[in-house]
PDB file of N, CA and C in Angstrom:
ATOM      1  N   ALA A   1      -0.613  25.714  -4.346  1.00  0.00           N
ATOM      2  CA  ALA A   1      -1.625  24.763  -4.780  1.00  0.00           C
ATOM      3  C   ALA A   1      -2.166  25.132  -6.161  1.00  0.00           C
ATOM      4  N   ASN A   2      -2.325  26.430  -6.421  1.00  0.00           N
ATOM      5  CA  ASN A   2      -2.863  26.834  -7.721  1.00  0.00           C
ATOM      6  C   ASN A   2      -1.934  26.455  -8.864  1.00  0.00           C
ATOM      7  N   ARG A   3      -0.641  26.640  -8.699  1.00  0.00           N
ATOM      8  CA  ARG A   3       0.301  26.263  -9.762  1.00  0.00           C
ATOM      9  C   ARG A   3       0.299  24.761  -9.994  1.00  0.00           C
ATOM     10  N   LEU A   4       0.261  24.001  -8.926  1.00  0.00           N
ATOM     11  CA  LEU A   4       0.250  22.541  -9.067  1.00  0.00           C
ATOM     12  C   LEU A   4      -1.041  22.051  -9.710  1.00  0.00           C
ATOM     13  N   SER A   5      -2.123  22.782  -9.498  1.00  0.00           N
ATOM     14  CA  SER A   5      -3.417  22.343 -10.024  1.00  0.00           C
ATOM     15  C   SER A   5      -3.547  22.573 -11.525  1.00  0.00           C
ATOM     16  N   LEU A   6      -2.647  23.319 -12.130  1.00  0.00           N
ATOM     17  CA  LEU A   6      -2.704  23.587 -13.568  1.00  0.00           C
ATOM     18  C   LEU A   6      -2.066  22.447 -14.353  1.00  0.00           C
ATOM     19  N   ASP A   7      -2.433  21.283 -14.023  1.00  0.00           N
ATOM     20  CA  ASP A   7      -1.753  20.086 -14.469  1.00  0.00           C
ATOM     21  C   ASP A   7      -2.451  19.416 -15.648  1.00  0.00           C
ATOM     22  N   GLY A   8      -3.750  19.584 -15.807  1.00  0.00           N
ATOM     23  CA  GLY A   8      -4.473  19.022 -16.936  1.00  0.00           C
ATOM     24  C   GLY A   8      -4.760  17.536 -16.864  1.00  0.00           C
ATOM     25  N   ALA A   9      -4.669  16.947 -15.697  1.00  0.00           N
ATOM     26  CA  ALA A   9      -4.946  15.515 -15.543  1.00  0.00           C
ATOM     27  C   ALA A   9      -6.434  15.254 -15.778  1.00  0.00           C
ATOM     28  N   PRO A  10      -6.769  14.141 -16.424  1.00  0.00           N
ATOM     29  CA  PRO A  10      -8.168  13.848 -16.748  1.00  0.00           C
ATOM     30  C   PRO A  10      -9.032  13.459 -15.540  1.00  0.00           C
ATOM     31  N   ASN A  11      -8.409  13.023 -14.454  1.00  0.00           N
ATOM     32  CA  ASN A  11      -9.165  12.647 -13.256  1.00  0.00           C
ATOM     33  C   ASN A  11      -8.300  12.876 -12.016  1.00  0.00           C
ATOM     34  N   TYR A  12      -8.928  12.797 -10.848  1.00  0.00           N
ATOM     35  CA  TYR A  12      -8.201  13.119  -9.622  1.00  0.00           C
ATOM     36  C   TYR A  12      -7.074  12.131  -9.325  1.00  0.00           C
ATOM     37  N   LYS A  13      -7.223  10.871  -9.704  1.00  0.00           N
ATOM     38  CA  LYS A  13      -6.171   9.887  -9.433  1.00  0.00           C
ATOM     39  C   LYS A  13      -4.906  10.223 -10.219  1.00  0.00           C
ATOM     40  N   GLU A  14      -5.086  10.555 -11.476  1.00  0.00           N
ATOM     41  CA  GLU A  14      -3.943  10.944 -12.303  1.00  0.00           C
ATOM     42  C   GLU A  14      -3.354  12.265 -11.807  1.00  0.00           C
ATOM     43  N   ALA A  15      -4.208  13.173 -11.348  1.00  0.00           N
ATOM     44  CA  ALA A  15      -3.726  14.447 -10.805  1.00  0.00           C
ATOM     45  C   ALA A  15      -2.837  14.206  -9.589  1.00  0.00           C
ATOM     46  N   VAL A  16      -3.254  13.304  -8.701  1.00  0.00           N
ATOM     47  CA  VAL A  16      -2.438  12.976  -7.526  1.00  0.00           C
ATOM     48  C   VAL A  16      -1.090  12.422  -7.964  1.00  0.00           C
ATOM     49  N   ARG A  17      -1.098  11.489  -8.896  1.00  0.00           N
ATOM     50  CA  ARG A  17       0.163  10.891  -9.357  1.00  0.00           C
ATOM     51  C   ARG A  17       1.091  11.942  -9.964  1.00  0.00           C
ATOM     52  N   ARG A  18       0.550  12.797 -10.794  1.00  0.00           N
ATOM     53  CA  ARG A  18       1.383  13.821 -11.436  1.00  0.00           C
ATOM     54  C   ARG A  18       1.920  14.837 -10.436  1.00  0.00           C
ATOM     55  N   ILE A  19       1.060  15.279  -9.531  1.00  0.00           N
ATOM     56  CA  ILE A  19       1.484  16.281  -8.547  1.00  0.00           C
ATOM     57  C   ILE A  19       2.509  15.694  -7.594  1.00  0.00           C
ATOM     58  N   MET A  20       2.261  14.482  -7.098  1.00  0.00           N
ATOM     59  CA  MET A  20       3.223  13.857  -6.191  1.00  0.00           C
ATOM     60  C   MET A  20       4.570  13.658  -6.878  1.00  0.00           C
ATOM     61  N   SER A  21       4.550  13.269  -8.141  1.00  0.00           N
ATOM     62  CA  SER A  21       5.808  13.096  -8.886  1.00  0.00           C
ATOM     63  C   SER A  21       6.545  14.414  -9.061  1.00  0.00           C
ATOM     64  N   ALA A  22       5.791  15.502  -9.126  1.00  0.00           N
ATOM     65  CA  ALA A  22       6.403  16.822  -9.297  1.00  0.00           C
ATOM     66  C   ALA A  22       7.023  17.346  -8.003  1.00  0.00           C
ATOM     67  N   VAL A  23       6.458  16.957  -6.862  1.00  0.00           N
ATOM     68  CA  VAL A  23       6.927  17.529  -5.595  1.00  0.00           C
ATOM     69  C   VAL A  23       7.829  16.603  -4.786  1.00  0.00           C
ATOM     70  N   MET A  24       7.907  15.318  -5.160  1.00  0.00           N
ATOM     71  CA  MET A  24       8.699  14.377  -4.372  1.00  0.00           C
ATOM     72  C   MET A  24       9.301  13.294  -5.262  1.00  0.00           C
ATOM     73  N   THR A  25      10.579  13.043  -5.091  1.00  0.00           N
ATOM     74  CA  THR A  25      11.221  11.963  -5.842  1.00  0.00           C
ATOM     75  C   THR A  25      10.865  10.621  -5.215  1.00  0.00           C
ATOM     76  N   ASP A  26      10.993   9.572  -5.990  1.00  0.00           N
ATOM     77  CA  ASP A  26      10.752   8.230  -5.461  1.00  0.00           C
ATOM     78  C   ASP A  26      11.766   7.882  -4.375  1.00  0.00           C
ATOM     79  N   GLN A  27      12.988   8.377  -4.534  1.00  0.00           N
ATOM     80  CA  GLN A  27      14.039   8.104  -3.548  1.00  0.00           C
ATOM     81  C   GLN A  27      13.691   8.705  -2.184  1.00  0.00           C
ATOM     82  N   LEU A  28      12.987   9.824  -2.174  1.00  0.00           N
ATOM     83  CA  LEU A  28      12.533  10.418  -0.916  1.00  0.00           C
ATOM     84  C   LEU A  28      11.247   9.750  -0.442  1.00  0.00           C
ATOM     85  N   ALA A  29      10.357   9.454  -1.367  1.00  0.00           N
ATOM     86  CA  ALA A  29       9.051   8.882  -1.026  1.00  0.00           C
ATOM     87  C   ALA A  29       9.154   7.534  -0.314  1.00  0.00           C
ATOM     88  N   VAL A  30      10.230   6.787  -0.547  1.00  0.00           N
ATOM     89  CA  VAL A  30      10.361   5.474   0.107  1.00  0.00           C
ATOM     90  C   VAL A  30      10.439   5.590   1.628  1.00  0.00           C
ATOM     91  N   PHE A  31      10.737   6.767   2.140  1.00  0.00           N
ATOM     92  CA  PHE A  31      10.832   6.970   3.586  1.00  0.00           C
ATOM     93  C   PHE A  31       9.507   7.389   4.217  1.00  0.00           C
ATOM     94  N   TYR A  32       8.455   7.507   3.412  1.00  0.00           N
ATOM     95  CA  TYR A  32       7.154   7.974   3.893  1.00  0.00           C
ATOM     96  C   TYR A  32       6.053   6.971   3.601  1.00  0.00           C
ATOM     97  N   SER A  33       5.061   6.969   4.501  1.00  0.00           N
ATOM     98  CA  SER A  33       3.770   6.362   4.202  1.00  0.00           C
ATOM     99  C   SER A  33       2.757   7.408   4.659  1.00  0.00           C
ATOM    100  N   TYR A  34       1.525   7.293   4.230  1.00  0.00           N
ATOM    101  CA  TYR A  34       0.580   8.365   4.546  1.00  0.00           C
ATOM    102  C   TYR A  34       0.381   8.512   6.053  1.00  0.00           C
ATOM    103  N   LYS A  35       0.217   7.401   6.747  1.00  0.00           N
ATOM    104  CA  LYS A  35      -0.026   7.438   8.197  1.00  0.00           C
ATOM    105  C   LYS A  35       1.191   7.057   9.033  1.00  0.00           C
ATOM    106  N   GLY A  36       2.307   6.725   8.396  1.00  0.00           N
ATOM    107  CA  GLY A  36       3.513   6.390   9.137  1.00  0.00           C
ATOM    108  C   GLY A  36       3.654   4.918   9.470  1.00  0.00           C
ATOM    109  N   HIS A  37       3.059   4.053   8.679  1.00  0.00           N
ATOM    110  CA  HIS A  37       3.160   2.608   8.913  1.00  0.00           C
ATOM    111  C   HIS A  37       4.574   2.090   8.663  1.00  0.00           C
ATOM    112  N   LYS A  38       4.880   0.973   9.273  1.00  0.00           N
ATOM    113  CA  LYS A  38       6.165   0.274   9.120  1.00  0.00           C
ATOM    114  C   LYS A  38       7.361   1.160   9.467  1.00  0.00           C
ATOM    115  N   GLY A  39       7.174   2.020  10.445  1.00  0.00           N
ATOM    116  CA  GLY A  39       8.280   2.857  10.910  1.00  0.00           C
ATOM    117  C   GLY A  39       8.655   3.997   9.978  1.00  0.00           C
ATOM    118  N   LYS A  40       7.837   4.239   8.972  1.00  0.00           N
ATOM    119  CA  LYS A  40       8.134   5.323   8.037  1.00  0.00           C
ATOM    120  C   LYS A  40       7.614   6.652   8.583  1.00  0.00           C
ATOM    121  N   ARG A  41       8.054   7.727   7.969  1.00  0.00           N
ATOM    122  CA  ARG A  41       7.606   9.067   8.365  1.00  0.00           C
ATOM    123  C   ARG A  41       6.158   9.268   7.917  1.00  0.00           C
ATOM    124  N   LYS A  42       5.432  10.093   8.667  1.00  0.00           N
ATOM    125  CA  LYS A  42       4.015  10.343   8.393  1.00  0.00           C
ATOM    126  C   LYS A  42       3.858  11.500   7.414  1.00  0.00           C
ATOM    127  N   PHE A  43       3.414  11.187   6.201  1.00  0.00           N
ATOM    128  CA  PHE A  43       3.227  12.229   5.195  1.00  0.00           C
ATOM    129  C   PHE A  43       2.030  13.111   5.535  1.00  0.00           C
ATOM    130  N   HIS A  44       0.990  12.540   6.134  1.00  0.00           N
ATOM    131  CA  HIS A  44      -0.222  13.323   6.396  1.00  0.00           C
ATOM    132  C   HIS A  44       0.015  14.465   7.382  1.00  0.00           C
ATOM    133  N   GLU A  45       1.090  14.414   8.138  1.00  0.00           N
ATOM    134  CA  GLU A  45       1.394  15.486   9.089  1.00  0.00           C
ATOM    135  C   GLU A  45       2.176  16.632   8.447  1.00  0.00           C
ATOM    136  N   LYS A  46       2.629  16.429   7.236  1.00  0.00           N
ATOM    137  CA  LYS A  46       3.439  17.439   6.550  1.00  0.00           C
ATOM    138  C   LYS A  46       2.529  18.458   5.867  1.00  0.00           C
ATOM    139  N   TYR A  47       2.998  19.704   5.832  1.00  0.00           N
ATOM    140  CA  TYR A  47       2.256  20.764   5.164  1.00  0.00           C
ATOM    141  C   TYR A  47       2.056  20.435   3.688  1.00  0.00           C
ATOM    142  N   LEU A  48       3.015  19.760   3.099  1.00  0.00           N
ATOM    143  CA  LEU A  48       2.936  19.375   1.693  1.00  0.00           C
ATOM    144  C   LEU A  48       1.693  18.530   1.411  1.00  0.00           C
ATOM    145  N   SER A  49       1.275  17.738   2.369  1.00  0.00           N
ATOM    146  CA  SER A  49       0.080  16.917   2.208  1.00  0.00           C
ATOM    147  C   SER A  49      -1.143  17.786   1.934  1.00  0.00           C
ATOM    148  N   SER A  50      -1.328  18.836   2.719  1.00  0.00           N
ATOM    149  CA  SER A  50      -2.488  19.708   2.511  1.00  0.00           C
ATOM    150  C   SER A  50      -2.378  20.484   1.203  1.00  0.00           C
ATOM    151  N   ILE A  51      -1.161  20.815   0.789  1.00  0.00           N
ATOM    152  CA  ILE A  51      -0.977  21.506  -0.491  1.00  0.00           C
ATOM    153  C   ILE A  51      -1.394  20.596  -1.647  1.00  0.00           C
ATOM    154  N   VAL A  52      -0.971  19.342  -1.598  1.00  0.00           N
ATOM    155  CA  VAL A  52      -1.329  18.389  -2.658  1.00  0.00           C
ATOM    156  C   VAL A  52      -2.845  18.193  -2.696  1.00  0.00           C
ATOM    157  N   ILE A  53      -3.453  18.005  -1.548  1.00  0.00           N
ATOM    158  CA  ILE A  53      -4.908  17.811  -1.474  1.00  0.00           C
ATOM    159  C   ILE A  53      -5.633  19.024  -2.048  1.00  0.00           C
ATOM    160  N   ASN A  54      -5.219  20.229  -1.650  1.00  0.00           N
ATOM    161  CA  ASN A  54      -5.855  21.448  -2.164  1.00  0.00           C
ATOM    162  C   ASN A  54      -5.672  21.582  -3.667  1.00  0.00           C
ATOM    163  N   ALA A  55      -4.485  21.259  -4.157  1.00  0.00           N
ATOM    164  CA  ALA A  55      -4.213  21.363  -5.594  1.00  0.00           C
ATOM    165  C   ALA A  55      -5.117  20.423  -6.386  1.00  0.00           C
ATOM    166  N   VAL A  56      -5.298  19.206  -5.896  1.00  0.00           N
ATOM    167  CA  VAL A  56      -6.161  18.245  -6.594  1.00  0.00           C
ATOM    168  C   VAL A  56      -7.607  18.730  -6.560  1.00  0.00           C
ATOM    169  N   GLN A  57      -8.045  19.260  -5.426  1.00  0.00           N
ATOM    170  CA  GLN A  57      -9.409  19.763  -5.327  1.00  0.00           C
ATOM    171  C   GLN A  57      -9.632  20.948  -6.268  1.00  0.00           C
ATOM    172  N   VAL A  58      -8.662  21.846  -6.361  1.00  0.00           N
ATOM    173  CA  VAL A  58      -8.776  22.988  -7.274  1.00  0.00           C
ATOM    174  C   VAL A  58      -8.826  22.498  -8.714  1.00  0.00           C
ATOM    175  N   CYS A  59      -7.975  21.549  -9.030  1.00  0.00           N
ATOM    176  CA  CYS A  59      -7.868  20.997 -10.385  1.00  0.00           C
ATOM    177  C   CYS A  59      -9.171  20.343 -10.831  1.00  0.00           C
ATOM    178  N   HIS A  60      -9.881  19.739  -9.924  1.00  0.00           N
ATOM    179  CA  HIS A  60     -11.076  18.971 -10.280  1.00  0.00           C
ATOM    180  C   HIS A  60     -12.348  19.488  -9.623  1.00  0.00           C
ATOM    181  N   SER A  61     -12.383  20.761  -9.247  1.00  0.00           N
ATOM    182  CA  SER A  61     -13.570  21.315  -8.594  1.00  0.00           C
ATOM    183  C   SER A  61     -14.738  21.487  -9.557  1.00  0.00           C
ATOM    184  N   LYS A  62     -14.465  21.490 -10.850  1.00  0.00           N
ATOM    185  CA  LYS A  62     -15.528  21.663 -11.847  1.00  0.00           C
ATOM    186  C   LYS A  62     -16.147  20.333 -12.278  1.00  0.00           C
ATOM    187  N   THR A  63     -15.647  19.244 -11.746  1.00  0.00           N
ATOM    188  CA  THR A  63     -16.162  17.932 -12.141  1.00  0.00           C
ATOM    189  C   THR A  63     -17.471  17.629 -11.432  1.00  0.00           C
ATOM    190  N   SER A  64     -18.095  16.563 -11.825  1.00  0.00           N
ATOM    191  CA  SER A  64     -19.364  16.165 -11.217  1.00  0.00           C
ATOM    192  C   SER A  64     -19.187  15.787  -9.751  1.00  0.00           C
ATOM    193  N   GLU A  65     -17.958  15.442  -9.378  1.00  0.00           N
ATOM    194  CA  GLU A  65     -17.706  15.054  -7.988  1.00  0.00           C
ATOM    195  C   GLU A  65     -17.734  16.271  -7.073  1.00  0.00           C
ATOM    196  N   ASN A  66     -17.596  17.473  -7.656  1.00  0.00           N
ATOM    197  CA  ASN A  66     -17.690  18.734  -6.941  1.00  0.00           C
ATOM    198  C   ASN A  66     -17.001  18.709  -5.579  1.00  0.00           C
ATOM    199  N   MET A  67     -15.835  19.240  -5.520  1.00  0.00           N
ATOM    200  CA  MET A  67     -14.988  19.241  -4.327  1.00  0.00           C
ATOM    201  C   MET A  67     -14.830  17.820  -3.789  1.00  0.00           C
ATOM    202  N   LEU A  68     -13.954  17.129  -4.408  1.00  0.00           N
ATOM    203  CA  LEU A  68     -13.661  15.743  -4.049  1.00  0.00           C
ATOM    204  C   LEU A  68     -13.497  15.564  -2.552  1.00  0.00           C
ATOM    205  N   LEU A  69     -13.983  14.472  -2.069  1.00  0.00           N
ATOM    206  CA  LEU A  69     -13.792  14.173  -0.667  1.00  0.00           C
ATOM    207  C   LEU A  69     -12.311  13.970  -0.389  1.00  0.00           C
ATOM    208  N   LYS A  70     -11.867  14.557   0.687  1.00  0.00           N
ATOM    209  CA  LYS A  70     -10.461  14.494   1.083  1.00  0.00           C
ATOM    210  C   LYS A  70      -9.982  13.046   1.212  1.00  0.00           C
ATOM    211  N   LYS A  71     -10.850  12.162   1.708  1.00  0.00           N
ATOM    212  CA  LYS A  71     -10.427  10.772   1.946  1.00  0.00           C
ATOM    213  C   LYS A  71     -10.051  10.050   0.654  1.00  0.00           C
ATOM    214  N   TYR A  72     -10.700  10.393  -0.471  1.00  0.00           N
ATOM    215  CA  TYR A  72     -10.348   9.771  -1.754  1.00  0.00           C
ATOM    216  C   TYR A  72      -8.961  10.203  -2.203  1.00  0.00           C
ATOM    217  N   ILE A  73      -8.681  11.478  -2.028  1.00  0.00           N
ATOM    218  CA  ILE A  73      -7.370  12.008  -2.403  1.00  0.00           C
ATOM    219  C   ILE A  73      -6.296  11.420  -1.491  1.00  0.00           C
ATOM    220  N   GLU A  74      -6.585  11.354  -0.198  1.00  0.00           N
ATOM    221  CA  GLU A  74      -5.633  10.772   0.756  1.00  0.00           C
ATOM    222  C   GLU A  74      -5.325   9.319   0.404  1.00  0.00           C
ATOM    223  N   SER A  75      -6.338   8.567   0.018  1.00  0.00           N
ATOM    224  CA  SER A  75      -6.126   7.161  -0.362  1.00  0.00           C
ATOM    225  C   SER A  75      -5.212   7.050  -1.571  1.00  0.00           C
ATOM    226  N   GLU A  76      -5.374   7.949  -2.522  1.00  0.00           N
ATOM    227  CA  GLU A  76      -4.539   7.910  -3.724  1.00  0.00           C
ATOM    228  C   GLU A  76      -3.101   8.323  -3.403  1.00  0.00           C
ATOM    229  N   ILE A  77      -2.934   9.287  -2.491  1.00  0.00           N
ATOM    230  CA  ILE A  77      -1.585   9.678  -2.054  1.00  0.00           C
ATOM    231  C   ILE A  77      -0.924   8.491  -1.357  1.00  0.00           C
ATOM    232  N   ALA A  78      -1.679   7.826  -0.480  1.00  0.00           N
ATOM    233  CA  ALA A  78      -1.147   6.657   0.234  1.00  0.00           C
ATOM    234  C   ALA A  78      -0.713   5.575  -0.747  1.00  0.00           C
ATOM    235  N   LEU A  79      -1.509   5.345  -1.777  1.00  0.00           N
ATOM    236  CA  LEU A  79      -1.161   4.348  -2.793  1.00  0.00           C
ATOM    237  C   LEU A  79       0.112   4.756  -3.531  1.00  0.00           C
ATOM    238  N   TRP A  80       0.205   6.032  -3.920  1.00  0.00           N
ATOM    239  CA  TRP A  80       1.397   6.515  -4.629  1.00  0.00           C
ATOM    240  C   TRP A  80       2.646   6.327  -3.764  1.00  0.00           C
ATOM    241  N   LEU A  81       2.543   6.659  -2.481  1.00  0.00           N
ATOM    242  CA  LEU A  81       3.689   6.493  -1.580  1.00  0.00           C
ATOM    243  C   LEU A  81       4.057   5.019  -1.432  1.00  0.00           C
ATOM    244  N   SER A  82       3.058   4.152  -1.364  1.00  0.00           N
ATOM    245  CA  SER A  82       3.335   2.721  -1.175  1.00  0.00           C
ATOM    246  C   SER A  82       4.043   2.094  -2.377  1.00  0.00           C
ATOM    247  N   LYS A  83       3.905   2.686  -3.539  1.00  0.00           N
ATOM    248  CA  LYS A  83       4.543   2.161  -4.753  1.00  0.00           C
ATOM    249  C   LYS A  83       5.919   2.779  -5.012  1.00  0.00           C
ATOM    250  N   ALA A  84       6.391   3.641  -4.124  1.00  0.00           N
ATOM    251  CA  ALA A  84       7.664   4.347  -4.333  1.00  0.00           C
ATOM    252  C   ALA A  84       8.848   3.391  -4.456  1.00  0.00           C
ATOM    253  N   THR A  85       8.908   2.375  -3.632  1.00  0.00           N
ATOM    254  CA  THR A  85      10.019   1.421  -3.686  1.00  0.00           C
ATOM    255  C   THR A  85      10.041   0.715  -5.035  1.00  0.00           C
ATOM    256  N   GLU A  86       8.888   0.305  -5.494  1.00  0.00           N
ATOM    257  CA  GLU A  86       8.775  -0.369  -6.793  1.00  0.00           C
ATOM    258  C   GLU A  86       9.250   0.549  -7.928  1.00  0.00           C
ATOM    259  N   ARG A  87       8.814   1.810  -7.913  1.00  0.00           N
ATOM    260  CA  ARG A  87       9.236   2.755  -8.954  1.00  0.00           C
ATOM    261  C   ARG A  87      10.725   3.037  -8.862  1.00  0.00           C
ATOM    262  N   SER A  88      11.225   3.138  -7.644  1.00  0.00           N
ATOM    263  CA  SER A  88      12.643   3.420  -7.433  1.00  0.00           C
ATOM    264  C   SER A  88      13.514   2.288  -7.984  1.00  0.00           C
ATOM    265  N   LYS A  89      13.106   1.048  -7.756  1.00  0.00           N
ATOM    266  CA  LYS A  89      13.846  -0.111  -8.272  1.00  0.00           C
ATOM    267  C   LYS A  89      13.823  -0.138  -9.791  1.00  0.00           C
ATOM    268  N   LYS A  90      12.700   0.258 -10.394  1.00  0.00           N
ATOM    269  CA  LYS A  90      12.589   0.311 -11.852  1.00  0.00           C
ATOM    270  C   LYS A  90      13.585   1.300 -12.436  1.00  0.00           C
ATOM    271  N   HIS A  91      13.727   2.448 -11.781  1.00  0.00           N
ATOM    272  CA  HIS A  91      14.664   3.467 -12.261  1.00  0.00           C
ATOM    273  C   HIS A  91      16.107   2.975 -12.186  1.00  0.00           C
ATOM    274  N   LEU A  92      16.422   2.188 -11.183  1.00  0.00           N
ATOM    275  CA  LEU A  92      17.780   1.665 -11.045  1.00  0.00           C
ATOM    276  C   LEU A  92      18.115   0.679 -12.162  1.00  0.00           C
ATOM    277  N   LYS A  93      17.121  -0.072 -12.615  1.00  0.00           N
ATOM    278  CA  LYS A  93      17.338  -1.038 -13.698  1.00  0.00           C
ATOM    279  C   LYS A  93      17.589  -0.345 -15.029  1.00  0.00           C
ATOM    280  N   ASN A  94      16.963   0.810 -15.214  1.00  0.00           N
ATOM    281  CA  ASN A  94      17.092   1.525 -16.503  1.00  0.00           C
ATOM    282  C   ASN A  94      18.304   2.340 -16.532  1.00  0.00           C
TER     283      ASN A  94
END
């Protein structure tokens, strides 16, 4: 988590996007949703989920939000996972 948190993102949302992109490809992410909706695998049950959450909290613990609420980070992870198919299709076009 400490290595991932040395990312320099200006806010927690960007930190989630950068960290998730570093640890998971879009081709893999299309098989996951945060809670396992639509028959996909549950990302929140994976150890990687807690690592990403901890890394974002470490990265932004000095902000005014002071130890970001886990639910905000989880929502951003869920959003990133939900956009994986769209990003994957974009890569195929290029």
